[in-house]
Protein backbone atom coordinates (compact mmCIF):
# COMPACT_ATOMS: atom_id res chain seq x y z
CA MET A 1 13.28 -28.92 2.48
CA LYS A 2 14.69 -25.61 3.69
CA GLU A 3 13.14 -24.33 6.94
CA TYR A 4 13.05 -20.79 8.33
CA ASP A 5 11.65 -19.04 11.36
CA VAL A 6 10.11 -16.35 9.14
CA VAL A 7 9.38 -16.19 5.41
CA ILE A 8 8.61 -12.75 3.96
CA VAL A 9 6.72 -12.68 0.66
CA GLY A 10 7.61 -9.64 -1.43
CA ALA A 11 10.65 -7.35 -1.59
CA GLY A 12 8.92 -4.00 -1.93
CA ALA A 13 9.04 -1.29 0.73
CA SER A 14 6.92 -3.34 3.16
CA GLY A 15 8.97 -6.51 2.66
CA ILE A 16 12.24 -4.65 3.16
CA ASN A 17 10.91 -3.07 6.35
CA ALA A 18 9.68 -6.48 7.54
CA ALA A 19 13.14 -7.96 6.99
CA HIS A 20 14.77 -5.19 9.00
CA MET A 21 12.25 -5.66 11.80
CA VAL A 22 12.94 -9.41 11.95
CA GLN A 23 16.67 -8.67 12.14
CA THR A 24 16.29 -6.18 14.98
CA GLU A 25 13.30 -7.55 16.92
CA MET A 26 14.06 -11.26 16.51
CA PRO A 27 17.87 -11.47 16.48
CA GLY A 28 19.01 -15.00 15.75
CA ALA A 29 15.84 -15.87 13.84
CA SER A 30 16.39 -17.30 10.38
CA TYR A 31 14.47 -15.61 7.59
CA THR A 32 14.29 -15.19 3.84
CA VAL A 33 12.52 -12.81 1.47
CA LEU A 34 10.87 -14.39 -1.58
CA GLU A 35 10.48 -12.01 -4.51
CA ALA A 36 8.59 -13.13 -7.63
CA ARG A 37 10.36 -10.63 -9.89
CA ASP A 38 14.09 -10.18 -10.50
CA ALA A 39 14.48 -6.90 -8.59
CA ILE A 40 13.44 -5.32 -5.32
CA GLY A 41 11.23 -2.23 -5.08
CA GLY A 42 7.73 -3.50 -5.80
CA THR A 43 5.67 -0.58 -7.11
CA TRP A 44 8.71 1.62 -7.65
CA ASN A 45 10.47 -0.91 -9.84
CA PHE A 46 7.42 -2.33 -11.61
CA PHE A 47 5.75 0.83 -12.89
CA LYS A 48 7.53 2.68 -15.70
CA TYR A 49 5.07 5.35 -16.78
CA PRO A 50 6.40 8.94 -17.08
CA GLY A 51 6.33 11.01 -13.91
CA LEU A 52 5.90 8.13 -11.43
CA ARG A 53 6.33 9.64 -7.96
CA SER A 54 5.22 9.46 -4.35
CA ASP A 55 1.97 11.09 -3.23
CA SER A 56 3.14 11.64 0.35
CA TYR A 57 6.28 13.07 1.95
CA LEU A 58 9.21 10.68 2.14
CA THR A 59 9.76 11.87 5.73
CA SER A 60 6.95 9.51 6.73
CA PHE A 61 7.00 7.19 3.72
CA GLY A 62 10.67 6.29 4.18
CA PHE A 63 12.12 3.92 6.78
CA ARG A 64 12.61 5.16 10.33
CA TRP A 65 15.78 3.07 10.58
CA ARG A 66 17.26 4.87 7.55
CA PRO A 67 15.51 8.23 7.19
CA TRP A 68 15.07 9.96 3.86
CA THR A 69 17.56 12.85 3.66
CA SER A 70 17.06 14.34 0.20
CA SER A 71 15.66 17.87 0.07
CA LYS A 72 12.96 16.70 -2.33
CA GLU A 73 10.24 15.17 -0.17
CA ILE A 74 7.88 14.26 -3.00
CA ALA A 75 10.29 12.14 -4.99
CA ASP A 76 10.08 10.41 -8.34
CA GLY A 77 10.15 6.65 -8.90
CA PRO A 78 13.86 6.30 -9.78
CA GLN A 79 14.88 8.25 -6.66
CA ILE A 80 12.72 6.06 -4.43
CA GLN A 81 14.00 2.90 -6.12
CA GLN A 82 17.59 3.99 -5.47
CA TYR A 83 16.73 4.71 -1.83
CA LEU A 84 15.21 1.23 -1.42
CA GLU A 85 18.24 -0.45 -3.02
CA GLU A 86 20.69 1.49 -0.87
CA SER A 87 18.68 0.80 2.30
CA THR A 88 18.52 -2.92 1.52
CA ALA A 89 22.28 -3.12 1.01
CA TRP A 90 23.00 -0.92 4.06
CA ALA A 91 21.03 -3.27 6.34
CA GLY A 92 22.40 -6.45 4.73
CA ILE A 93 18.91 -7.52 3.74
CA ASP A 94 20.00 -8.12 0.14
CA LYS A 95 21.80 -11.28 1.28
CA HIS A 96 18.46 -12.79 2.36
CA ILE A 97 16.45 -12.16 -0.83
CA GLN A 98 15.68 -14.97 -3.27
CA PHE A 99 14.59 -13.54 -6.63
CA ARG A 100 12.23 -15.13 -9.16
CA HIS A 101 10.62 -17.10 -6.35
CA LYS A 102 6.83 -16.88 -6.68
CA VAL A 103 4.78 -18.37 -3.86
CA THR A 104 1.83 -20.35 -5.24
CA GLY A 105 0.53 -22.15 -2.15
CA LEU A 106 0.60 -21.73 1.64
CA HIS A 107 -0.41 -24.71 3.77
CA TRP A 108 -0.58 -24.77 7.58
CA SER A 109 -0.24 -27.92 9.66
CA THR A 110 -1.52 -27.69 13.23
CA PRO A 111 0.31 -30.84 14.44
CA ASP A 112 3.61 -29.40 13.16
CA SER A 113 2.82 -25.74 13.90
CA LYS A 114 4.49 -24.98 10.58
CA TRP A 115 3.73 -23.50 7.22
CA THR A 116 4.66 -25.41 4.08
CA MET A 117 4.79 -23.37 0.90
CA GLN A 118 5.06 -24.21 -2.78
CA VAL A 119 7.28 -21.89 -4.77
CA ASP A 120 7.69 -21.54 -8.53
CA VAL A 121 11.28 -20.64 -9.45
CA ASP A 122 12.37 -18.84 -12.63
CA GLY A 123 8.88 -18.59 -14.05
CA GLY A 124 7.94 -22.16 -13.22
CA LYS A 125 11.04 -23.83 -14.64
CA THR A 126 11.48 -25.52 -11.29
CA THR A 127 9.58 -25.71 -8.01
CA ARG A 128 10.66 -25.66 -4.38
CA THR A 129 9.05 -26.48 -1.07
CA LEU A 130 9.91 -24.41 2.00
CA ARG A 131 8.76 -24.49 5.61
CA SER A 132 8.50 -21.74 8.21
CA THR A 133 6.98 -20.90 11.56
CA PHE A 134 5.70 -17.47 10.51
CA ILE A 135 4.74 -15.92 7.20
CA PHE A 136 4.59 -12.18 6.52
CA VAL A 137 2.86 -11.50 3.20
CA CYS A 138 4.11 -8.12 1.93
CA SER A 139 2.88 -8.33 -1.65
CA GLY A 140 0.73 -5.20 -1.65
CA TYR A 141 -2.87 -5.10 -2.75
CA TYR A 142 -2.93 -5.02 -6.55
CA ASP A 143 -2.55 -7.52 -9.37
CA TYR A 144 0.77 -7.20 -11.22
CA ALA A 145 -0.41 -9.33 -14.14
CA THR A 146 -3.85 -7.84 -14.83
CA PRO A 147 -4.97 -4.19 -14.71
CA LEU A 148 -8.48 -3.15 -13.78
CA GLN A 149 -10.76 -4.17 -16.64
CA THR A 150 -12.91 -1.21 -17.65
CA GLU A 151 -15.46 -1.35 -20.45
CA ILE A 152 -14.76 1.40 -22.98
CA PRO A 153 -17.21 0.99 -25.88
CA GLY A 154 -15.62 0.82 -29.31
CA LEU A 155 -12.04 0.72 -28.07
CA GLU A 156 -11.23 -2.09 -30.51
CA ARG A 157 -11.99 0.30 -33.43
CA PHE A 158 -9.34 2.83 -32.44
CA GLY A 159 -6.71 3.26 -35.15
CA GLY A 160 -4.01 4.62 -32.85
CA GLN A 161 -2.23 3.11 -29.85
CA VAL A 162 -3.85 2.20 -26.51
CA VAL A 163 -1.65 2.00 -23.39
CA HIS A 164 -2.40 1.19 -19.76
CA PRO A 165 0.06 2.87 -17.35
CA GLN A 166 0.65 -0.50 -15.64
CA PHE A 167 2.29 -1.76 -18.85
CA TRP A 168 3.90 1.38 -20.25
CA PRO A 169 6.25 0.47 -23.14
CA SER A 170 9.79 1.66 -22.57
CA ASP A 171 10.06 2.78 -26.22
CA LEU A 172 6.72 4.60 -26.43
CA ASP A 173 7.16 7.89 -28.30
CA TYR A 174 4.39 10.35 -27.51
CA ALA A 175 6.16 13.47 -28.80
CA ASN A 176 3.99 15.55 -31.14
CA LYS A 177 1.05 13.17 -30.69
CA ARG A 178 -2.49 13.91 -29.61
CA VAL A 179 -3.01 12.13 -26.29
CA VAL A 180 -6.23 11.47 -24.39
CA ILE A 181 -5.86 10.25 -20.80
CA VAL A 182 -8.98 8.44 -19.61
CA GLY A 183 -9.19 8.79 -15.82
CA SER A 184 -8.99 11.33 -13.02
CA GLY A 185 -6.97 9.61 -10.29
CA ALA A 186 -3.40 9.95 -9.09
CA THR A 187 -1.92 8.32 -12.21
CA ALA A 188 -3.72 10.68 -14.59
CA VAL A 189 -2.76 13.71 -12.47
CA THR A 190 0.86 12.52 -12.56
CA LEU A 191 0.95 11.79 -16.29
CA LEU A 192 -0.55 14.97 -17.69
CA PRO A 193 2.23 17.44 -16.71
CA VAL A 194 4.94 15.16 -18.11
CA LEU A 195 3.22 14.26 -21.37
CA ALA A 196 2.29 17.90 -22.01
CA LYS A 197 5.96 18.89 -22.31
CA THR A 198 6.38 17.18 -25.69
CA ALA A 199 2.97 15.96 -26.87
CA ALA A 200 1.01 17.94 -29.46
CA SER A 201 -1.98 17.94 -27.12
CA VAL A 202 -3.05 16.22 -23.91
CA THR A 203 -6.68 15.96 -22.83
CA MET A 204 -7.70 14.41 -19.52
CA LEU A 205 -11.14 12.85 -19.97
CA GLN A 206 -12.78 12.20 -16.63
CA ARG A 207 -16.16 10.74 -15.81
CA SER A 208 -16.16 12.57 -12.48
CA PRO A 209 -13.73 15.05 -10.88
CA THR A 210 -11.37 14.46 -7.97
CA TYR A 211 -9.64 16.57 -5.34
CA VAL A 212 -6.14 17.67 -6.38
CA VAL A 213 -4.00 19.19 -3.63
CA PRO A 214 -0.81 21.17 -4.41
CA LEU A 215 2.04 20.60 -1.95
CA PRO A 216 5.65 21.87 -2.00
CA SER A 217 8.04 19.13 -3.08
CA ALA A 218 10.80 20.51 -0.81
CA PRO A 219 9.04 21.97 2.27
CA ALA A 220 10.98 24.84 3.83
CA HIS A 221 10.17 23.81 7.42
CA ILE A 222 11.69 20.35 6.93
CA LEU A 223 14.86 21.79 5.40
CA MET A 224 15.14 24.41 8.17
CA LEU A 225 14.96 21.82 10.95
CA ARG A 226 17.68 19.77 9.24
CA ARG A 227 19.92 22.85 9.27
CA VAL A 228 19.40 23.93 12.88
CA LEU A 229 19.02 20.59 14.70
CA PRO A 230 21.30 17.57 15.03
CA LYS A 231 20.57 15.11 12.25
CA TRP A 232 18.98 12.45 14.47
CA LEU A 233 16.77 14.98 16.24
CA ALA A 234 15.71 16.69 13.01
CA ASN A 235 14.69 13.34 11.53
CA HIS A 236 12.71 12.46 14.65
CA VAL A 237 10.95 15.83 14.87
CA ASN A 238 10.17 15.92 11.13
CA PHE A 239 8.76 12.38 11.26
CA TRP A 240 6.35 13.04 14.11
CA LYS A 241 5.45 16.49 12.80
CA ASP A 242 4.45 14.89 9.50
CA ILE A 243 2.47 12.17 11.32
CA VAL A 244 0.57 14.74 13.38
CA PHE A 245 -0.14 16.80 10.26
CA GLN A 246 -1.45 13.80 8.29
CA SER A 247 -3.54 12.67 11.25
CA PHE A 248 -4.97 16.16 11.71
CA ILE A 249 -5.93 16.46 8.04
CA ARG A 250 -7.53 13.01 8.15
CA PHE A 251 -9.47 14.03 11.28
CA LEU A 252 -10.70 17.23 9.62
CA CYS A 253 -11.83 15.33 6.51
CA PHE A 254 -13.95 12.93 8.56
CA ALA A 255 -15.16 15.37 11.24
CA PHE A 256 -15.84 18.42 9.06
CA PRO A 257 -16.21 17.14 5.49
CA LEU A 258 -18.19 20.13 4.15
CA PHE A 259 -15.66 22.63 5.51
CA VAL A 260 -12.73 20.69 4.00
CA ARG A 261 -14.61 20.27 0.73
CA ARG A 262 -15.21 24.01 0.39
CA THR A 263 -11.60 24.77 1.35
CA LEU A 264 -10.18 22.37 -1.23
CA ILE A 265 -12.46 23.56 -4.02
CA ARG A 266 -11.55 27.19 -3.22
CA ARG A 267 -7.85 26.28 -3.35
CA MET A 268 -8.24 24.47 -6.70
CA ASP A 269 -10.13 27.47 -8.08
CA GLN A 270 -7.18 29.69 -7.13
CA MET A 271 -4.72 27.31 -8.79
CA LEU A 272 -6.75 27.30 -12.03
CA LYS A 273 -6.45 31.08 -12.52
CA GLY A 274 -5.07 31.74 -15.98
CA SER A 275 -5.96 28.31 -17.34
CA GLY A 276 -9.41 29.19 -18.68
CA ILE A 277 -10.73 26.02 -17.03
CA PRO A 278 -13.64 26.56 -14.61
CA VAL A 279 -13.56 24.81 -11.26
CA ASP A 280 -17.18 23.72 -11.86
CA PRO A 281 -17.73 21.07 -13.18
CA HIS A 282 -14.12 19.93 -13.59
CA PHE A 283 -12.99 20.17 -9.95
CA THR A 284 -16.16 19.81 -7.88
CA PRO A 285 -16.20 16.14 -6.79
CA ARG A 286 -19.51 14.56 -5.81
CA TYR A 287 -17.93 12.80 -2.81
CA ASN A 288 -16.44 14.06 0.44
CA PRO A 289 -12.66 14.26 0.97
CA TRP A 290 -11.10 10.88 1.88
CA ASP A 291 -14.09 8.90 0.60
CA GLN A 292 -11.45 8.53 -2.06
CA ARG A 293 -7.76 9.30 -1.64
CA LEU A 294 -6.74 12.90 -2.30
CA CYS A 295 -4.47 13.42 -5.31
CA VAL A 296 -1.27 15.36 -4.67
CA CYS A 297 0.59 17.47 -7.23
CA PRO A 298 4.08 18.67 -6.22
CA ASP A 299 4.55 22.42 -6.53
CA GLY A 300 1.23 22.66 -8.37
CA ASP A 301 2.69 21.09 -11.52
CA PHE A 302 -0.69 19.70 -12.60
CA PHE A 303 -2.37 23.11 -12.49
CA ASP A 304 0.61 24.76 -14.20
CA ALA A 305 0.32 22.21 -17.01
CA LEU A 306 -3.37 23.03 -17.47
CA LYS A 307 -2.35 26.61 -18.26
CA ARG A 308 -0.48 25.41 -21.35
CA ALA A 309 -2.16 25.87 -24.74
CA ASN A 310 -1.84 22.15 -25.54
CA THR A 311 -3.75 20.82 -22.50
CA ASP A 312 -7.41 20.49 -21.65
CA ILE A 313 -9.76 18.67 -19.32
CA VAL A 314 -13.17 17.26 -20.26
CA THR A 315 -15.73 16.03 -17.74
CA ASP A 316 -18.11 13.69 -19.56
CA ARG A 317 -18.89 10.06 -20.22
CA ILE A 318 -17.65 8.13 -23.23
CA GLU A 319 -20.25 7.31 -25.85
CA THR A 320 -17.85 5.40 -28.05
CA VAL A 321 -14.28 5.24 -29.29
CA THR A 322 -13.93 5.97 -32.98
CA GLU A 323 -11.09 5.20 -35.34
CA SER A 324 -9.60 8.64 -34.72
CA GLY A 325 -10.48 9.38 -31.10
CA ILE A 326 -13.27 9.44 -28.52
CA ARG A 327 -16.80 10.74 -28.85
CA THR A 328 -18.40 11.80 -25.56
CA LYS A 329 -22.05 11.62 -24.49
CA ASN A 330 -22.39 15.37 -25.11
CA GLY A 331 -21.30 14.92 -28.70
CA GLU A 332 -17.74 16.28 -28.42
CA HIS A 333 -15.08 14.42 -30.39
CA LEU A 334 -11.59 14.23 -28.89
CA ASP A 335 -9.03 13.56 -31.61
CA ALA A 336 -6.29 11.19 -30.50
CA ASP A 337 -3.25 9.29 -31.70
CA LEU A 338 -2.72 7.72 -28.27
CA ILE A 339 -5.27 6.75 -25.61
CA VAL A 340 -3.96 6.17 -22.08
CA THR A 341 -6.41 4.16 -19.96
CA ALA A 342 -5.51 5.40 -16.47
CA THR A 343 -8.58 3.70 -15.02
CA GLY A 344 -7.06 2.11 -11.92
CA LEU A 345 -5.62 -1.12 -10.59
CA ARG A 346 -7.13 -4.53 -10.01
CA VAL A 347 -7.06 -5.21 -6.28
CA LEU A 348 -5.63 -8.61 -5.32
CA ILE A 349 -5.06 -9.42 -1.66
CA LEU A 350 -2.26 -11.86 -0.67
CA GLY A 351 -1.15 -12.12 -4.28
CA GLY A 352 -3.96 -14.54 -5.06
CA VAL A 353 -2.08 -17.37 -3.32
CA ASP A 354 -4.03 -20.50 -2.32
CA ILE A 355 -4.10 -20.85 1.48
CA THR A 356 -5.12 -23.95 3.39
CA VAL A 357 -5.25 -24.68 7.12
CA ASP A 358 -5.13 -28.40 7.91
CA GLY A 359 -6.31 -29.15 4.40
CA GLN A 360 -9.23 -26.69 4.46
CA LYS A 361 -9.05 -23.91 1.90
CA ILE A 362 -9.34 -20.39 3.30
CA ASN A 363 -11.79 -18.18 1.43
CA VAL A 364 -10.19 -14.78 2.06
CA PRO A 365 -13.30 -12.60 1.39
CA GLU A 366 -15.20 -14.49 4.10
CA GLN A 367 -12.60 -13.92 6.81
CA PHE A 368 -12.50 -11.01 9.24
CA ALA A 369 -9.15 -9.26 9.70
CA TRP A 370 -7.81 -8.92 13.26
CA ARG A 371 -6.65 -5.30 13.64
CA GLY A 372 -6.69 -5.13 9.84
CA PHE A 373 -3.79 -7.48 9.15
CA MET A 374 -4.22 -11.03 10.59
CA LEU A 375 -6.84 -13.19 8.90
CA GLU A 376 -9.40 -15.02 11.00
CA GLY A 377 -8.61 -18.72 11.21
CA VAL A 378 -5.13 -18.36 9.69
CA PRO A 379 -2.31 -19.02 12.23
CA ASN A 380 1.11 -17.39 12.52
CA SER A 381 0.71 -15.02 9.61
CA ALA A 382 0.50 -11.32 8.85
CA MET A 383 -1.11 -9.67 5.84
CA VAL A 384 1.15 -6.63 5.87
CA VAL A 385 -0.71 -3.74 4.25
CA GLY A 386 -0.30 0.01 4.45
CA TYR A 387 -2.73 2.83 4.99
CA THR A 388 -4.93 4.17 2.21
CA SER A 389 -5.46 7.45 4.07
CA MET A 390 -1.84 8.09 5.13
CA ALA A 391 1.62 7.13 3.88
CA TRP A 392 1.59 3.44 2.90
CA THR A 393 4.78 2.55 4.78
CA LEU A 394 3.36 3.88 8.05
CA GLY A 395 0.54 1.36 7.89
CA SER A 396 2.77 -1.58 7.04
CA ASP A 397 5.17 -0.57 9.81
CA ALA A 398 2.28 -0.47 12.32
CA CYS A 399 1.19 -3.97 11.20
CA LEU A 400 4.69 -5.32 11.75
CA ARG A 401 5.09 -3.73 15.18
CA MET A 402 1.79 -5.21 16.31
CA MET A 403 2.89 -8.59 14.96
CA MET A 404 6.15 -8.35 16.87
CA ARG A 405 4.28 -7.76 20.10
CA VAL A 406 2.15 -10.84 19.38
CA ILE A 407 5.28 -12.92 18.75
CA LYS A 408 6.91 -11.68 21.94
CA HIS A 409 3.83 -12.70 23.90
CA MET A 410 3.96 -16.13 22.27
CA GLN A 411 7.58 -16.47 23.35
CA ASN A 412 6.77 -15.42 26.89
CA ILE A 413 3.98 -17.98 27.35
CA GLY A 414 5.54 -20.77 25.30
CA ALA A 415 2.89 -20.81 22.57
CA THR A 416 3.70 -22.29 19.18
CA ALA A 417 0.76 -20.83 17.28
CA VAL A 418 -1.55 -17.82 17.36
CA THR A 419 -4.85 -17.68 15.47
CA PRO A 420 -7.46 -14.90 15.23
CA VAL A 421 -10.84 -16.27 16.29
CA VAL A 422 -14.16 -14.43 15.92
CA GLN A 423 -16.73 -14.75 18.70
CA HIS A 424 -20.44 -14.22 18.00
CA ARG A 425 -19.79 -13.91 14.28
CA ASN A 426 -23.50 -13.67 13.41
CA THR A 427 -23.85 -10.46 15.40
CA LEU A 428 -21.11 -8.62 13.50
CA HIS A 429 -21.88 -6.17 10.73
CA SER A 430 -19.56 -7.21 7.89
CA GLU A 431 -17.97 -4.70 5.50
CA PRO A 432 -14.90 -4.76 3.20
CA VAL A 433 -11.73 -4.17 5.20
CA ILE A 434 -10.84 -1.19 2.97
CA GLY A 435 -13.67 1.31 3.14
CA MET A 436 -12.52 3.85 0.53
CA LYS A 437 -14.93 4.46 -2.35
CA SER A 438 -12.41 4.63 -5.20
CA THR A 439 -13.71 2.66 -8.19
CA TYR A 440 -11.05 -0.03 -8.02
CA PHE A 441 -11.81 -0.70 -4.33
CA LEU A 442 -15.57 -0.77 -4.96
CA MET A 443 -15.04 -3.31 -7.74
CA ALA A 444 -12.96 -5.47 -5.38
CA HIS A 445 -15.50 -5.78 -2.55
CA ASP A 446 -16.02 -9.46 -3.29
CA ARG A 447 -12.25 -10.11 -3.00
CA LEU A 448 -11.47 -8.23 0.22
CA PRO A 449 -11.36 -9.56 3.80
CA ARG A 450 -13.95 -8.19 6.19
CA LYS A 451 -14.08 -5.68 9.02
CA ALA A 452 -16.73 -5.15 11.69
CA ASN A 453 -17.75 -2.33 14.02
CA VAL A 454 -16.24 -3.85 17.18
CA ASP A 455 -12.69 -4.19 18.47
CA PRO A 456 -10.45 -5.90 17.31
CA TRP A 457 -12.15 -6.39 13.93
CA ASN A 458 -12.91 -2.76 13.23
CA GLU A 459 -11.45 -0.08 10.98
CA ARG A 460 -7.76 0.68 11.34
CA LYS A 461 -7.22 3.73 13.52
CA GLY A 462 -4.16 5.36 12.03
CA PHE A 463 -0.51 5.40 13.02
CA ILE A 464 -0.74 7.29 16.32
CA SER A 465 -3.59 5.18 17.69
CA GLU A 466 -2.02 1.90 16.57
CA SER A 467 1.36 2.89 17.99
CA LEU A 468 -0.19 3.71 21.37
CA LEU A 469 -2.14 0.45 21.26
CA THR A 470 1.05 -1.52 20.60
CA TRP A 471 3.18 0.24 23.19
CA LEU A 472 0.81 0.90 26.06
CA SER A 473 -2.25 -1.34 26.02
CA PRO A 474 -2.43 -4.23 28.55
CA THR A 475 -1.72 -7.63 27.05
CA LYS A 476 -5.28 -8.81 27.67
CA THR A 477 -6.66 -5.85 25.73
CA PHE A 478 -4.13 -6.03 22.93
CA THR A 479 -4.52 -9.80 22.34
CA LYS A 480 -8.31 -9.78 22.41
CA GLY A 481 -9.59 -12.05 19.64
CA LEU A 482 -6.42 -14.17 19.48
CA ARG A 483 -6.17 -17.84 20.46
CA PHE A 484 -2.73 -19.05 21.51
CA SER A 485 -1.93 -22.75 21.34
CA GLY A 486 1.05 -24.91 22.18
CA ALA A 487 2.19 -26.91 25.20
CA VAL A 488 -0.61 -27.45 27.73
CA ASP A 489 -0.82 -29.06 31.17
CA SER A 490 -3.28 -31.77 32.26
CA ALA A 491 -5.94 -29.12 32.89
CA GLY A 492 -5.63 -27.87 29.33
CA THR A 493 -3.90 -24.66 30.36
CA LEU A 494 -1.20 -23.28 28.15
CA ILE A 495 2.16 -23.46 29.90
CA PRO A 496 5.48 -21.80 29.08
CA SER A 497 7.92 -24.01 27.22
CA MET A 498 10.96 -21.87 27.94
CA THR A 499 13.37 -22.32 30.81
CA ALA A 500 14.30 -19.31 32.93
CA LYS A 501 17.54 -19.12 31.01
CA ASP A 502 15.67 -19.06 27.69
CA SER A 503 13.29 -16.45 29.05
CA LYS A 504 16.19 -14.14 29.87
CA LYS A 505 17.49 -14.65 26.34
CA SER A 506 14.08 -13.68 25.03
CA GLU A 507 14.02 -10.53 27.10
CA ALA A 508 17.48 -9.62 25.88
CA GLY A 509 17.10 -10.54 22.23
CA TYR A 510 14.85 -12.82 20.26
CA GLY A 511 11.28 -11.62 20.31
CA THR A 512 11.89 -8.36 22.17
CA MET A 513 10.09 -5.20 21.16
CA SER A 514 11.78 -1.97 20.25
CA ARG A 515 9.86 1.30 20.18
CA GLY A 516 11.96 2.66 17.35
């Protein structure tokens, strides 16, 4: 039975960043990365639909230890995949990845202060059992095997082809075909400009509109700073400038929603000039900005595509699918050869893995999440998730840095386990840990961990606040809600298990914190 100090589940962007952090913050610690598929990259390797790209600048989405240097800040999937592969090789992380290793069970033993995990190898051809002191689950938040199930009446009658973007066929030929995209989210906004280049027609059929924000794919201010400043300084300035900008926009959306709403609708109206498409009702969402994530279109490509003669947008509900297309509630018939159901993802936290603590199964939706990433009652583990209101990697990086501070504190006091514990549970107002109102999050409320309105179980605060909390807050404040266990004296007080010599080693290496 192979044993590690840390096991990382998932080799996407978060898992790669976690591996680098273990290497730098816990030098000497043994670790491995278990990846269920046969390649790294997660989202960027899994999805194959046309136009796949980032919806935030790579200045903040990329790794701080290997900054993104391409002039194109809103990059496509293949570019991001190449960046992840090169970063993994550059840091030597590729030597620690075990592919086609799918974790099926995680089991904690308090007497051993260890995790035991069951792993299916090569699609279940064989199984392995591994042990570790810590587990970082970096598997994202959606189900790779099953898309969001949406009822579309009459879909089985359709005589053409139906495709979900999550399972886009590599040989799908949509040239000269009539395409209807069902959906209005980021995937639909990404698909339409690409499909419109060769399809006979592309219609985006949306039940309700969304906010679509045009951003330059290669911002002039970022490129200018790279020319006039030393490389390391330009990267640092661009990173924090992007963080401040994202944080400011997020603040405006929550503090002045009506002002931001009017501003965005006015901007979309300007972008629609020449398309013949009115902003009302097609781009007047019923919700406030950031109740759902804003959609980004690089260089306004989505609005440019709507000015083509072969594109259209329809805001209506589906009455039924016919053999030759879709009939809406208002009686309009949309002819189609291909229907793309861009209706969202099925949310799945922790990859659906069974978790037990001393033989007791953990029901994830009943557990509160300490600072948004450590599950109540689950020791020595991190549920590494990103932000839904900022660049994903920023959120996962903040999780990992907080976890590293927890581990350092454990080392300093000689603890062998740390467990989030809720006090006065009955007094807490319980809500899903992800508060966004996108359809696929609303449909996942019964599968999500919980948050409350009190520290440390409350809503995540964003990168700046979480960074300041990690770097500057007193230990007593930072570790509120955590129970540390390990060696104790006769009075039941936790005592350090390290010698002075070991403590100096800890300060110099294993378990130390870097501010990056």
